[in-house]
Amino acid sequence: MRGEPGYEEQGVYINDKKEGQWQRFSPMGDLLAIENYRWGNKNGKCYYFNRWGAVEREESWKAVNPDNPYDTVDVFDLNDPTLVVDRVIVKLEGFTLKHGLWKYYDPEFGTIIKTEEYWLDKPKNGLDGLEPIDISSNGRASSDTSGAKNAAKPKAIQDWEKKNSGKKNIKVRDGKTGGN
């Protein structure tokens, strides 16, 4: 036999889109998957089973409303992680995002062999670039590159800047193709 084995699905369509819980069965009637849908996209927990009925993998998804592809994200205080400081609006890319904990199970023993965590379709690892900024050095962040601006410029650059300092239109090759 070549290709994917056949399957049958059972669920509800609303406005020609999958909605709610859907179940996928093999041609023999064995349960292969339980998936949850919203707006025609996967949403929430989805479970996939092997041919003996044991859970093979558990996925977590977030469906994006096609009419409003934005989400509001809470910004927490660095000193008190329970305190919400601000709310930020984020544009979501795609229609179904990996969101939450994914678990992969050993098919023989049913134990978890691997877990992955996602946040809005990106792997969640550590602080994800949300480390606090060190402002102990004269009110400047440690990543501030303003000190690099004082580096000496080569003589050729100084001559060019001096020659073109008062001109309005300086012709520089910038990669434009002539269009607006």
N, C-alpha and C. Protein backbone atom coordinates (compact mmCIF):
# COMPACT_ATOMS: atom_id res chain seq x y z
N MET A 1 0.85 -1.18 0.00
CA MET A 1 0.00 0.00 0.00
C MET A 1 0.90 1.24 0.00
N ARG A 2 0.59 2.19 -0.83
CA ARG A 2 1.37 3.42 -0.90
C ARG A 2 0.54 4.60 -0.42
N GLY A 3 1.25 5.62 0.07
CA GLY A 3 0.56 6.83 0.49
C GLY A 3 0.01 6.71 1.90
N GLU A 4 -0.77 7.68 2.27
CA GLU A 4 -1.37 7.74 3.60
C GLU A 4 -2.54 6.76 3.68
N PRO A 5 -2.66 6.08 4.82
CA PRO A 5 -3.84 5.23 4.98
C PRO A 5 -5.09 6.08 5.08
N GLY A 6 -6.20 5.55 4.64
CA GLY A 6 -7.45 6.30 4.68
C GLY A 6 -7.96 6.50 6.09
N TYR A 7 -8.89 7.43 6.24
CA TYR A 7 -9.52 7.66 7.54
C TYR A 7 -10.87 8.31 7.32
N GLU A 8 -11.68 8.28 8.36
CA GLU A 8 -12.98 8.93 8.35
C GLU A 8 -13.02 9.90 9.51
N GLU A 9 -13.70 11.03 9.30
CA GLU A 9 -13.80 12.03 10.36
C GLU A 9 -15.25 12.23 10.75
N GLN A 10 -15.44 12.62 12.00
CA GLN A 10 -16.78 12.86 12.51
C GLN A 10 -16.74 14.15 13.31
N GLY A 11 -17.62 15.09 12.96
CA GLY A 11 -17.68 16.37 13.65
C GLY A 11 -18.74 17.26 13.04
N VAL A 12 -18.73 18.53 13.43
CA VAL A 12 -19.76 19.48 13.02
C VAL A 12 -19.12 20.61 12.22
N TYR A 13 -19.81 21.01 11.15
CA TYR A 13 -19.41 22.19 10.38
C TYR A 13 -20.35 23.34 10.73
N ILE A 14 -19.78 24.52 10.94
CA ILE A 14 -20.57 25.74 11.11
C ILE A 14 -20.00 26.75 10.12
N ASN A 15 -20.85 27.28 9.23
CA ASN A 15 -20.42 28.19 8.17
C ASN A 15 -19.31 27.57 7.32
N ASP A 16 -19.47 26.31 6.96
CA ASP A 16 -18.51 25.56 6.14
C ASP A 16 -17.13 25.45 6.76
N LYS A 17 -17.03 25.55 8.08
CA LYS A 17 -15.74 25.41 8.78
C LYS A 17 -15.92 24.43 9.93
N LYS A 18 -14.86 23.65 10.19
CA LYS A 18 -14.91 22.71 11.30
C LYS A 18 -15.05 23.48 12.61
N GLU A 19 -15.89 22.97 13.50
CA GLU A 19 -16.13 23.64 14.78
C GLU A 19 -16.30 22.58 15.86
N GLY A 20 -15.70 22.82 17.03
CA GLY A 20 -15.85 21.90 18.15
C GLY A 20 -14.95 20.68 18.03
N GLN A 21 -15.35 19.60 18.71
CA GLN A 21 -14.54 18.39 18.74
C GLN A 21 -14.76 17.54 17.50
N TRP A 22 -13.66 17.11 16.89
CA TRP A 22 -13.69 16.22 15.74
C TRP A 22 -12.93 14.96 16.10
N GLN A 23 -13.42 13.84 15.60
CA GLN A 23 -12.76 12.56 15.83
C GLN A 23 -12.39 11.95 14.50
N ARG A 24 -11.19 11.36 14.45
CA ARG A 24 -10.70 10.71 13.23
C ARG A 24 -10.58 9.21 13.52
N PHE A 25 -11.12 8.40 12.60
CA PHE A 25 -11.12 6.95 12.76
C PHE A 25 -10.41 6.30 11.58
N SER A 26 -9.80 5.15 11.83
CA SER A 26 -9.21 4.36 10.75
C SER A 26 -10.34 3.68 9.98
N PRO A 27 -10.07 3.11 8.80
CA PRO A 27 -11.12 2.39 8.07
C PRO A 27 -11.69 1.20 8.86
N MET A 28 -10.94 0.70 9.84
CA MET A 28 -11.41 -0.41 10.67
C MET A 28 -12.24 0.08 11.86
N GLY A 29 -12.34 1.41 12.05
CA GLY A 29 -13.14 1.96 13.14
C GLY A 29 -12.35 2.31 14.39
N ASP A 30 -11.02 2.19 14.35
CA ASP A 30 -10.19 2.52 15.51
C ASP A 30 -10.02 4.04 15.60
N LEU A 31 -10.07 4.58 16.81
CA LEU A 31 -9.90 6.01 17.03
C LEU A 31 -8.44 6.39 16.78
N LEU A 32 -8.20 7.34 15.88
CA LEU A 32 -6.85 7.80 15.56
C LEU A 32 -6.53 9.14 16.19
N ALA A 33 -7.54 10.03 16.28
CA ALA A 33 -7.27 11.38 16.79
C ALA A 33 -8.54 12.01 17.32
N ILE A 34 -8.35 12.89 18.29
CA ILE A 34 -9.41 13.77 18.77
C ILE A 34 -8.85 15.18 18.64
N GLU A 35 -9.48 15.99 17.81
CA GLU A 35 -9.01 17.35 17.55
C GLU A 35 -10.12 18.34 17.85
N ASN A 36 -9.75 19.51 18.34
CA ASN A 36 -10.71 20.56 18.63
C ASN A 36 -10.49 21.71 17.66
N TYR A 37 -11.58 22.27 17.14
CA TYR A 37 -11.50 23.31 16.13
C TYR A 37 -12.30 24.54 16.54
N ARG A 38 -11.84 25.69 16.05
CA ARG A 38 -12.56 26.95 16.19
C ARG A 38 -12.24 27.77 14.95
N TRP A 39 -13.26 28.35 14.33
CA TRP A 39 -13.10 29.12 13.09
C TRP A 39 -12.44 28.29 12.00
N GLY A 40 -12.60 26.98 12.02
CA GLY A 40 -12.02 26.10 11.01
C GLY A 40 -10.56 25.76 11.25
N ASN A 41 -9.99 26.18 12.37
CA ASN A 41 -8.59 25.94 12.69
C ASN A 41 -8.48 25.19 14.01
N LYS A 42 -7.38 24.45 14.18
CA LYS A 42 -7.17 23.71 15.42
C LYS A 42 -7.10 24.68 16.59
N ASN A 43 -7.73 24.30 17.71
CA ASN A 43 -7.76 25.15 18.89
C ASN A 43 -7.85 24.26 20.13
N GLY A 44 -6.98 24.48 21.08
CA GLY A 44 -7.01 23.69 22.31
C GLY A 44 -6.21 22.41 22.18
N LYS A 45 -6.54 21.43 23.01
CA LYS A 45 -5.80 20.17 23.06
C LYS A 45 -6.25 19.23 21.94
N CYS A 46 -5.28 18.58 21.32
CA CYS A 46 -5.53 17.56 20.31
C CYS A 46 -4.76 16.31 20.73
N TYR A 47 -5.39 15.16 20.62
CA TYR A 47 -4.79 13.89 21.03
C TYR A 47 -4.70 12.98 19.82
N TYR A 48 -3.54 12.30 19.68
CA TYR A 48 -3.32 11.38 18.58
C TYR A 48 -2.97 10.02 19.16
N PHE A 49 -3.59 8.97 18.62
CA PHE A 49 -3.47 7.63 19.17
C PHE A 49 -2.81 6.69 18.16
N ASN A 50 -2.14 5.65 18.69
CA ASN A 50 -1.59 4.63 17.80
C ASN A 50 -2.67 3.58 17.52
N ARG A 51 -2.34 2.55 16.78
CA ARG A 51 -3.36 1.57 16.38
C ARG A 51 -3.88 0.72 17.54
N TRP A 52 -3.18 0.75 18.69
CA TRP A 52 -3.65 -0.01 19.86
C TRP A 52 -4.44 0.86 20.82
N GLY A 53 -4.63 2.14 20.48
CA GLY A 53 -5.44 3.03 21.30
C GLY A 53 -4.68 3.80 22.35
N ALA A 54 -3.35 3.65 22.41
CA ALA A 54 -2.54 4.39 23.38
C ALA A 54 -2.23 5.78 22.82
N VAL A 55 -2.13 6.77 23.72
CA VAL A 55 -1.84 8.15 23.29
C VAL A 55 -0.42 8.20 22.75
N GLU A 56 -0.28 8.72 21.54
CA GLU A 56 1.02 8.85 20.90
C GLU A 56 1.59 10.25 21.12
N ARG A 57 0.69 11.25 21.05
CA ARG A 57 1.13 12.63 21.22
C ARG A 57 -0.06 13.48 21.61
N GLU A 58 0.25 14.54 22.37
CA GLU A 58 -0.76 15.51 22.81
C GLU A 58 -0.26 16.89 22.38
N GLU A 59 -1.07 17.59 21.60
CA GLU A 59 -0.68 18.90 21.08
C GLU A 59 -1.61 19.97 21.64
N SER A 60 -1.11 21.19 21.70
CA SER A 60 -1.91 22.31 22.16
C SER A 60 -1.83 23.42 21.11
N TRP A 61 -2.99 23.90 20.65
CA TRP A 61 -3.06 24.87 19.57
C TRP A 61 -3.86 26.10 19.99
N LYS A 62 -3.66 27.20 19.27
CA LYS A 62 -4.45 28.41 19.46
C LYS A 62 -4.94 28.85 18.09
N ALA A 63 -6.25 28.92 17.92
CA ALA A 63 -6.83 29.38 16.65
C ALA A 63 -6.91 30.89 16.67
N VAL A 64 -6.64 31.50 15.53
CA VAL A 64 -6.69 32.95 15.39
C VAL A 64 -7.98 33.31 14.67
N ASN A 65 -8.71 34.26 15.23
CA ASN A 65 -9.94 34.72 14.61
C ASN A 65 -9.58 35.40 13.28
N PRO A 66 -10.05 34.89 12.15
CA PRO A 66 -9.69 35.50 10.87
C PRO A 66 -10.21 36.93 10.71
N ASP A 67 -11.25 37.29 11.45
CA ASP A 67 -11.78 38.65 11.36
C ASP A 67 -10.98 39.63 12.20
N ASN A 68 -10.22 39.14 13.19
CA ASN A 68 -9.44 40.01 14.08
C ASN A 68 -8.15 39.28 14.45
N PRO A 69 -7.10 39.39 13.61
CA PRO A 69 -5.87 38.64 13.87
C PRO A 69 -4.94 39.28 14.90
N TYR A 70 -5.50 39.83 15.98
CA TYR A 70 -4.70 40.46 17.03
C TYR A 70 -5.02 39.82 18.36
N ASP A 71 -4.07 39.86 19.28
CA ASP A 71 -4.27 39.32 20.62
C ASP A 71 -3.68 40.30 21.62
N THR A 72 -4.22 40.33 22.81
CA THR A 72 -3.71 41.19 23.87
C THR A 72 -2.89 40.33 24.82
N VAL A 73 -1.65 40.77 25.09
CA VAL A 73 -0.73 40.03 25.93
C VAL A 73 -0.44 40.85 27.18
N ASP A 74 -0.45 40.19 28.34
CA ASP A 74 -0.14 40.86 29.60
C ASP A 74 1.37 41.02 29.75
N VAL A 75 1.80 42.19 30.26
CA VAL A 75 3.20 42.45 30.59
C VAL A 75 3.29 42.47 32.11
N PHE A 76 4.13 41.60 32.67
CA PHE A 76 4.22 41.46 34.11
C PHE A 76 5.38 42.27 34.68
N ASP A 77 5.25 42.66 35.95
CA ASP A 77 6.29 43.39 36.67
C ASP A 77 7.47 42.45 36.92
N LEU A 78 8.71 42.96 36.79
CA LEU A 78 9.89 42.13 36.99
C LEU A 78 10.06 41.72 38.45
N ASN A 79 9.70 42.60 39.38
CA ASN A 79 9.86 42.30 40.80
C ASN A 79 8.73 41.45 41.35
N ASP A 80 7.53 41.62 40.83
CA ASP A 80 6.36 40.87 41.29
C ASP A 80 5.66 40.25 40.08
N PRO A 81 6.00 38.98 39.75
CA PRO A 81 5.44 38.36 38.54
C PRO A 81 3.93 38.19 38.55
N THR A 82 3.27 38.42 39.69
CA THR A 82 1.82 38.30 39.73
C THR A 82 1.14 39.61 39.36
N LEU A 83 1.91 40.70 39.28
CA LEU A 83 1.36 42.03 39.00
C LEU A 83 1.45 42.33 37.51
N VAL A 84 0.31 42.63 36.89
CA VAL A 84 0.27 42.99 35.47
C VAL A 84 0.49 44.49 35.37
N VAL A 85 1.56 44.89 34.66
CA VAL A 85 1.93 46.29 34.52
C VAL A 85 1.24 46.93 33.33
N ASP A 86 1.15 46.19 32.22
CA ASP A 86 0.63 46.76 30.98
C ASP A 86 0.03 45.63 30.14
N ARG A 87 -0.74 46.02 29.14
CA ARG A 87 -1.28 45.07 28.16
C ARG A 87 -0.86 45.57 26.78
N VAL A 88 -0.31 44.66 25.98
CA VAL A 88 0.21 45.01 24.67
C VAL A 88 -0.57 44.24 23.60
N ILE A 89 -0.91 44.92 22.50
CA ILE A 89 -1.61 44.28 21.39
C ILE A 89 -0.57 43.72 20.42
N VAL A 90 -0.72 42.43 20.08
CA VAL A 90 0.23 41.74 19.22
C VAL A 90 -0.50 41.20 18.01
N LYS A 91 0.07 41.42 16.79
CA LYS A 91 -0.51 40.85 15.57
C LYS A 91 -0.03 39.41 15.46
N LEU A 92 -0.97 38.50 15.24
CA LEU A 92 -0.65 37.09 15.15
C LEU A 92 -0.45 36.69 13.70
N GLU A 93 0.61 35.96 13.43
CA GLU A 93 0.91 35.48 12.09
C GLU A 93 0.33 34.09 11.92
N GLY A 94 -0.37 33.84 10.85
CA GLY A 94 -0.96 32.52 10.61
C GLY A 94 -2.36 32.42 11.18
N PHE A 95 -2.96 31.25 11.04
CA PHE A 95 -4.32 31.04 11.52
C PHE A 95 -4.39 30.04 12.66
N THR A 96 -3.44 29.12 12.73
CA THR A 96 -3.36 28.16 13.81
C THR A 96 -1.95 28.21 14.36
N LEU A 97 -1.82 28.49 15.65
CA LEU A 97 -0.51 28.65 16.26
C LEU A 97 -0.27 27.56 17.30
N LYS A 98 0.95 27.04 17.32
CA LYS A 98 1.33 26.13 18.39
C LYS A 98 1.36 26.97 19.66
N HIS A 99 0.61 26.55 20.67
CA HIS A 99 0.51 27.37 21.88
C HIS A 99 0.25 26.46 23.08
N GLY A 100 1.23 26.33 23.93
CA GLY A 100 1.07 25.49 25.11
C GLY A 100 2.03 24.32 25.10
N LEU A 101 1.74 23.32 25.91
CA LEU A 101 2.62 22.18 26.11
C LEU A 101 2.30 21.05 25.13
N TRP A 102 3.32 20.55 24.46
CA TRP A 102 3.19 19.40 23.57
C TRP A 102 3.90 18.24 24.25
N LYS A 103 3.25 17.08 24.30
CA LYS A 103 3.82 15.90 24.94
C LYS A 103 3.88 14.76 23.94
N TYR A 104 5.03 14.09 23.90
CA TYR A 104 5.22 12.92 23.05
C TYR A 104 5.38 11.71 23.97
N TYR A 105 4.64 10.64 23.69
CA TYR A 105 4.60 9.47 24.56
C TYR A 105 5.31 8.29 23.92
N ASP A 106 5.88 7.43 24.76
CA ASP A 106 6.45 6.17 24.32
C ASP A 106 5.28 5.26 23.94
N PRO A 107 5.24 4.74 22.71
CA PRO A 107 4.08 3.95 22.30
C PRO A 107 3.94 2.62 23.05
N GLU A 108 5.05 2.10 23.58
CA GLU A 108 4.99 0.81 24.25
C GLU A 108 4.57 0.94 25.71
N PHE A 109 5.14 1.91 26.43
CA PHE A 109 4.89 2.02 27.87
C PHE A 109 3.96 3.16 28.24
N GLY A 110 3.74 4.12 27.34
CA GLY A 110 2.85 5.23 27.63
C GLY A 110 3.47 6.33 28.46
N THR A 111 4.77 6.29 28.66
CA THR A 111 5.45 7.33 29.44
C THR A 111 5.84 8.48 28.52
N ILE A 112 5.96 9.67 29.09
CA ILE A 112 6.34 10.85 28.30
C ILE A 112 7.82 10.75 27.97
N ILE A 113 8.15 10.84 26.69
CA ILE A 113 9.55 10.78 26.28
C ILE A 113 10.09 12.15 25.88
N LYS A 114 9.19 13.09 25.58
CA LYS A 114 9.64 14.41 25.15
C LYS A 114 8.52 15.41 25.37
N THR A 115 8.87 16.62 25.81
CA THR A 115 7.89 17.70 25.93
C THR A 115 8.46 18.95 25.26
N GLU A 116 7.59 19.71 24.66
CA GLU A 116 7.95 20.99 24.06
C GLU A 116 6.90 21.99 24.49
N GLU A 117 7.33 23.24 24.74
CA GLU A 117 6.37 24.26 25.11
C GLU A 117 6.48 25.41 24.12
N TYR A 118 5.32 25.86 23.66
CA TYR A 118 5.26 26.94 22.67
C TYR A 118 4.44 28.09 23.22
N TRP A 119 4.78 29.30 22.77
CA TRP A 119 4.00 30.49 23.10
C TRP A 119 3.80 31.26 21.80
N LEU A 120 2.57 31.29 21.31
CA LEU A 120 2.21 31.95 20.05
C LEU A 120 3.14 31.52 18.91
N ASP A 121 3.26 30.21 18.72
CA ASP A 121 3.98 29.57 17.62
C ASP A 121 5.50 29.64 17.73
N LYS A 122 6.03 30.09 18.86
CA LYS A 122 7.48 30.15 19.04
C LYS A 122 7.85 29.25 20.22
N PRO A 123 8.96 28.50 20.09
CA PRO A 123 9.37 27.66 21.22
C PRO A 123 9.64 28.51 22.45
N LYS A 124 9.15 28.07 23.58
CA LYS A 124 9.32 28.81 24.83
C LYS A 124 10.53 28.22 25.54
N ASN A 125 11.57 29.04 25.70
CA ASN A 125 12.76 28.55 26.39
C ASN A 125 13.32 29.67 27.26
N GLY A 126 13.41 29.42 28.55
CA GLY A 126 13.97 30.39 29.48
C GLY A 126 13.16 31.67 29.50
N LEU A 127 13.87 32.79 29.50
CA LEU A 127 13.22 34.09 29.59
C LEU A 127 12.87 34.67 28.22
N ASP A 128 13.34 34.03 27.13
CA ASP A 128 13.01 34.48 25.78
C ASP A 128 13.37 35.93 25.53
N GLY A 129 14.55 36.35 25.97
CA GLY A 129 14.98 37.72 25.72
C GLY A 129 14.30 38.73 26.61
N LEU A 130 13.66 38.30 27.67
CA LEU A 130 12.97 39.22 28.57
C LEU A 130 13.78 39.48 29.83
N GLU A 131 15.12 39.36 29.73
CA GLU A 131 15.97 39.58 30.88
C GLU A 131 15.88 41.05 31.29
N PRO A 132 15.96 41.34 32.60
CA PRO A 132 15.93 42.73 33.04
C PRO A 132 17.16 43.48 32.54
N ILE A 133 17.00 44.75 32.24
CA ILE A 133 18.09 45.58 31.74
C ILE A 133 18.85 46.15 32.93
N ASP A 134 20.18 46.06 32.89
CA ASP A 134 21.02 46.59 33.97
C ASP A 134 21.17 48.09 33.78
N ILE A 135 20.61 48.86 34.70
CA ILE A 135 20.69 50.32 34.59
C ILE A 135 21.58 50.90 35.68
N SER A 136 22.46 50.07 36.26
CA SER A 136 23.32 50.52 37.34
C SER A 136 24.47 51.40 36.86
N SER A 137 24.83 51.37 35.59
CA SER A 137 25.97 52.15 35.09
C SER A 137 25.50 53.48 34.52
N ASN A 138 25.44 54.51 35.37
CA ASN A 138 25.10 55.88 34.98
C ASN A 138 23.77 56.00 34.25
N GLY A 139 22.81 55.18 34.59
CA GLY A 139 21.49 55.30 33.98
C GLY A 139 21.40 54.76 32.57
N ARG A 140 22.49 54.17 32.07
CA ARG A 140 22.49 53.60 30.73
C ARG A 140 22.37 52.09 30.82
N ALA A 141 21.70 51.51 29.88
CA ALA A 141 21.61 50.05 29.83
C ALA A 141 22.95 49.47 29.44
N SER A 142 23.26 48.26 29.94
CA SER A 142 24.55 47.64 29.64
C SER A 142 24.68 47.31 28.16
N SER A 143 23.58 47.20 27.46
CA SER A 143 23.63 46.90 26.04
C SER A 143 23.66 48.17 25.18
N ASP A 144 23.77 49.33 25.80
CA ASP A 144 23.78 50.59 25.07
C ASP A 144 25.07 50.70 24.27
N THR A 145 24.98 51.02 23.00
CA THR A 145 26.16 51.10 22.13
C THR A 145 26.57 52.53 21.85
N SER A 146 26.13 53.47 22.69
CA SER A 146 26.47 54.86 22.41
C SER A 146 27.96 55.12 22.55
N GLY A 147 28.68 54.31 23.31
CA GLY A 147 30.12 54.47 23.44
C GLY A 147 30.83 54.15 22.14
N ALA A 148 30.29 53.32 21.32
CA ALA A 148 30.92 52.94 20.06
C ALA A 148 30.86 54.08 19.04
N LYS A 149 30.00 55.06 19.25
CA LYS A 149 29.87 56.15 18.29
C LYS A 149 31.08 57.08 18.34
N ASN A 150 31.85 57.04 19.42
CA ASN A 150 33.00 57.92 19.56
C ASN A 150 34.25 57.35 18.91
N ALA A 151 34.15 56.22 18.24
CA ALA A 151 35.30 55.62 17.58
C ALA A 151 35.75 56.52 16.44
N ALA A 152 37.07 56.56 16.22
CA ALA A 152 37.64 57.43 15.19
C ALA A 152 37.22 56.94 13.81
N LYS A 153 36.83 57.89 12.94
CA LYS A 153 36.44 57.56 11.58
C LYS A 153 37.67 57.59 10.69
N PRO A 154 37.71 56.75 9.67
CA PRO A 154 38.83 56.80 8.73
C PRO A 154 38.88 58.14 8.01
N LYS A 155 40.08 58.51 7.55
CA LYS A 155 40.29 59.81 6.91
C LYS A 155 39.43 59.96 5.66
N ALA A 156 39.24 58.90 4.87
CA ALA A 156 38.44 58.99 3.65
C ALA A 156 36.98 59.35 3.98
N ILE A 157 36.44 58.81 5.05
CA ILE A 157 35.06 59.12 5.44
C ILE A 157 34.96 60.56 5.93
N GLN A 158 35.96 61.01 6.71
CA GLN A 158 35.95 62.39 7.19
C GLN A 158 36.01 63.37 6.02
N ASP A 159 36.83 63.08 5.01
CA ASP A 159 36.93 63.95 3.84
C ASP A 159 35.60 63.99 3.09
N TRP A 160 34.94 62.84 2.90
CA TRP A 160 33.67 62.79 2.17
C TRP A 160 32.60 63.57 2.93
N GLU A 161 32.51 63.39 4.25
CA GLU A 161 31.52 64.12 5.05
C GLU A 161 31.78 65.63 4.99
N LYS A 162 33.04 66.03 5.03
CA LYS A 162 33.38 67.46 4.97
C LYS A 162 33.00 68.04 3.61
N LYS A 163 33.27 67.29 2.54
CA LYS A 163 32.99 67.75 1.18
C LYS A 163 31.48 67.88 0.94
N ASN A 164 30.66 67.00 1.50
CA ASN A 164 29.23 66.96 1.25
C ASN A 164 28.38 67.49 2.41
N SER A 165 28.95 68.21 3.33
CA SER A 165 28.22 68.62 4.53
C SER A 165 27.11 69.63 4.24
N GLY A 166 27.27 70.53 3.29
CA GLY A 166 26.26 71.56 3.05
C GLY A 166 25.30 71.24 1.93
N LYS A 167 25.47 70.14 1.24
CA LYS A 167 24.65 69.82 0.08
C LYS A 167 23.34 69.17 0.49
N LYS A 168 22.28 69.45 -0.30
CA LYS A 168 20.97 68.85 -0.02
C LYS A 168 20.87 67.45 -0.60
N ASN A 169 21.10 67.30 -1.89
CA ASN A 169 20.96 66.01 -2.55
C ASN A 169 22.34 65.41 -2.78
N ILE A 170 22.66 64.44 -1.97
CA ILE A 170 23.92 63.73 -2.13
C ILE A 170 23.59 62.41 -2.82
N LYS A 171 24.23 62.15 -3.94
CA LYS A 171 23.94 60.93 -4.67
C LYS A 171 24.70 59.77 -4.02
N VAL A 172 23.92 58.87 -3.48
CA VAL A 172 24.47 57.69 -2.82
C VAL A 172 23.75 56.47 -3.38
N ARG A 173 24.48 55.42 -3.63
CA ARG A 173 23.86 54.18 -4.10
C ARG A 173 23.20 53.52 -2.91
N ASP A 174 21.86 53.43 -2.97
CA ASP A 174 21.13 52.86 -1.85
C ASP A 174 20.30 51.64 -2.22
N GLY A 175 20.40 51.16 -3.44
CA GLY A 175 19.68 49.95 -3.82
C GLY A 175 18.30 50.19 -4.41
N LYS A 176 17.86 51.43 -4.53
CA LYS A 176 16.55 51.71 -5.10
C LYS A 176 16.55 51.38 -6.58
N THR A 177 15.39 50.99 -7.09
CA THR A 177 15.29 50.60 -8.50
C THR A 177 14.62 51.65 -9.36
N GLY A 178 14.37 52.82 -8.84
CA GLY A 178 13.79 53.88 -9.62
C GLY A 178 12.32 54.10 -9.36
N GLY A 179 11.64 53.15 -8.73
CA GLY A 179 10.22 53.31 -8.41
C GLY A 179 10.06 54.14 -7.14
N ASN A 180 8.82 54.52 -6.85
CA ASN A 180 8.59 55.30 -5.63
C ASN A 180 8.59 54.43 -4.47
